[in-house]
Amino acid sequence: MVKHPRRPRDPNQLGKLIVALSVGEIAEDEPPESNPATEGARRGGLIGGPARAAALTGTRRREIAKSAAEKRWGRKDGSE
């Protein structure tokens, strides 16, 4: 499955894209170029979460979860 680039919302940019496609400057079947900088970041993100979970103790993990639950379910006006 080939991902197609999103069509721009700006009418001027859309017009430029349509002209470029019709003239042949851009091939419609051409996949978008990938950014090598983001590939490493994604890989690091996939590694980082499980590594952090493995490094945390059960007590610290519970503290983090309790704090997150208090923030999520606490009162909106700040008073409790």
C-alpha atoms as a PDB file:
ATOM      1  CA  MET A   1       0.000   0.000   0.000  1.00  0.00           C
ATOM      2  CA  VAL A   2       1.447   3.335  -1.058  1.00  0.00           C
ATOM      3  CA  LYS A   3       0.761   6.353   1.136  1.00  0.00           C
ATOM      4  CA  HIS A   4      -0.155   9.416  -0.870  1.00  0.00           C
ATOM      5  CA  PRO A   5       0.849  12.855   0.320  1.00  0.00           C
ATOM      6  CA  ARG A   6      -1.976  14.876   1.820  1.00  0.00           C
ATOM      7  CA  ARG A   7      -3.472  17.490  -0.440  1.00  0.00           C
ATOM      8  CA  PRO A   8      -2.816  21.034   0.813  1.00  0.00           C
ATOM      9  CA  ARG A   9      -5.784  22.991   2.137  1.00  0.00           C
ATOM     10  CA  ASP A  10      -4.500  26.295   0.807  1.00  0.00           C
ATOM     11  CA  PRO A  11      -5.990  26.891  -2.677  1.00  0.00           C
ATOM     12  CA  ASN A  12      -2.742  28.370  -4.031  1.00  0.00           C
ATOM     13  CA  GLN A  13      -0.659  25.419  -2.877  1.00  0.00           C
ATOM     14  CA  LEU A  14      -3.281  22.991  -4.196  1.00  0.00           C
ATOM     15  CA  GLY A  15      -3.165  24.701  -7.582  1.00  0.00           C
ATOM     16  CA  LYS A  16       0.627  24.463  -7.653  1.00  0.00           C
ATOM     17  CA  LEU A  17       0.417  20.754  -6.790  1.00  0.00           C
ATOM     18  CA  ILE A  18      -2.133  20.096  -9.544  1.00  0.00           C
ATOM     19  CA  VAL A  19       0.012  21.901 -12.125  1.00  0.00           C
ATOM     20  CA  ALA A  20       3.133  20.034 -10.970  1.00  0.00           C
ATOM     21  CA  LEU A  21       1.296  16.707 -11.276  1.00  0.00           C
ATOM     22  CA  SER A  22      -0.091  17.540 -14.729  1.00  0.00           C
ATOM     23  CA  VAL A  23       3.281  18.714 -16.072  1.00  0.00           C
ATOM     24  CA  GLY A  24       5.052  15.692 -14.636  1.00  0.00           C
ATOM     25  CA  GLU A  25       7.332  17.450 -12.152  1.00  0.00           C
ATOM     26  CA  ILE A  26       5.948  15.209  -9.413  1.00  0.00           C
ATOM     27  CA  ALA A  27       4.985  11.613 -10.066  1.00  0.00           C
ATOM     28  CA  GLU A  28       1.768  10.688  -8.271  1.00  0.00           C
ATOM     29  CA  ASP A  29       3.044   7.191  -7.478  1.00  0.00           C
ATOM     30  CA  GLU A  30       6.210   8.569  -5.876  1.00  0.00           C
ATOM     31  CA  PRO A  31       6.272   7.959  -2.113  1.00  0.00           C
ATOM     32  CA  PRO A  32       7.074  10.989   0.041  1.00  0.00           C
ATOM     33  CA  GLU A  33      10.667  11.337   1.144  1.00  0.00           C
ATOM     34  CA  SER A  34      11.318  10.141   4.675  1.00  0.00           C
ATOM     35  CA  ASN A  35      13.250  12.267   7.107  1.00  0.00           C
ATOM     36  CA  PRO A  36      16.197  10.297   8.550  1.00  0.00           C
ATOM     37  CA  ALA A  37      16.157  12.414  11.708  1.00  0.00           C
ATOM     38  CA  THR A  38      12.648  11.274  12.630  1.00  0.00           C
ATOM     39  CA  GLU A  39      13.386   7.603  11.999  1.00  0.00           C
ATOM     40  CA  GLY A  40      15.900   7.521  14.846  1.00  0.00           C
ATOM     41  CA  ALA A  41      13.539   9.399  17.158  1.00  0.00           C
ATOM     42  CA  ARG A  42      10.761   6.893  16.594  1.00  0.00           C
ATOM     43  CA  ARG A  43      13.118   4.001  17.258  1.00  0.00           C
ATOM     44  CA  GLY A  44      14.303   5.684  20.448  1.00  0.00           C
ATOM     45  CA  GLY A  45      10.721   6.225  21.564  1.00  0.00           C
ATOM     46  CA  LEU A  46       9.889   2.582  21.035  1.00  0.00           C
ATOM     47  CA  ILE A  47      12.893   1.579  23.131  1.00  0.00           C
ATOM     48  CA  GLY A  48      12.605   4.273  25.809  1.00  0.00           C
ATOM     49  CA  GLY A  49       9.172   3.442  27.258  1.00  0.00           C
ATOM     50  CA  PRO A  50       9.827  -0.212  28.072  1.00  0.00           C
ATOM     51  CA  ALA A  51      13.340   0.628  29.296  1.00  0.00           C
ATOM     52  CA  ARG A  52      11.950   3.247  31.694  1.00  0.00           C
ATOM     53  CA  ALA A  53       9.251   0.857  32.925  1.00  0.00           C
ATOM     54  CA  ALA A  54      11.857  -1.829  33.603  1.00  0.00           C
ATOM     55  CA  ALA A  55      14.056   0.630  35.525  1.00  0.00           C
ATOM     56  CA  LEU A  56      11.258   1.902  37.796  1.00  0.00           C
ATOM     57  CA  THR A  57      10.582   0.225  41.110  1.00  0.00           C
ATOM     58  CA  GLY A  58       7.045  -0.796  41.956  1.00  0.00           C
ATOM     59  CA  THR A  59       6.814   1.900  44.620  1.00  0.00           C
ATOM     60  CA  ARG A  60       7.890   4.674  42.263  1.00  0.00           C
ATOM     61  CA  ARG A  61       5.540   3.403  39.556  1.00  0.00           C
ATOM     62  CA  ARG A  62       2.631   3.549  42.050  1.00  0.00           C
ATOM     63  CA  GLU A  63       3.600   7.118  43.037  1.00  0.00           C
ATOM     64  CA  ILE A  64       3.589   8.196  39.393  1.00  0.00           C
ATOM     65  CA  ALA A  65       0.240   6.471  38.757  1.00  0.00           C
ATOM     66  CA  LYS A  66      -1.321   8.010  41.884  1.00  0.00           C
ATOM     67  CA  SER A  67      -0.133  11.491  40.896  1.00  0.00           C
ATOM     68  CA  ALA A  68      -1.488  11.039  37.365  1.00  0.00           C
ATOM     69  CA  ALA A  69      -4.856   9.827  38.692  1.00  0.00           C
ATOM     70  CA  GLU A  70      -5.109  12.813  41.036  1.00  0.00           C
ATOM     71  CA  LYS A  71      -4.382  15.195  38.160  1.00  0.00           C
ATOM     72  CA  ARG A  72      -6.813  13.404  35.853  1.00  0.00           C
ATOM     73  CA  TRP A  73      -9.720  12.991  38.276  1.00  0.00           C
ATOM     74  CA  GLY A  74      -9.143  15.965  40.580  1.00  0.00           C
ATOM     75  CA  ARG A  75     -11.446  18.969  40.723  1.00  0.00           C
ATOM     76  CA  LYS A  76     -11.183  21.375  37.817  1.00  0.00           C
ATOM     77  CA  ASP A  77     -11.253  24.549  39.950  1.00  0.00           C
ATOM     78  CA  GLY A  78      -8.204  23.491  41.975  1.00  0.00           C
ATOM     79  CA  SER A  79      -9.976  23.120  45.331  1.00  0.00           C
ATOM     80  CA  GLU A  80     -10.265  19.715  46.946  1.00  0.00           C
END
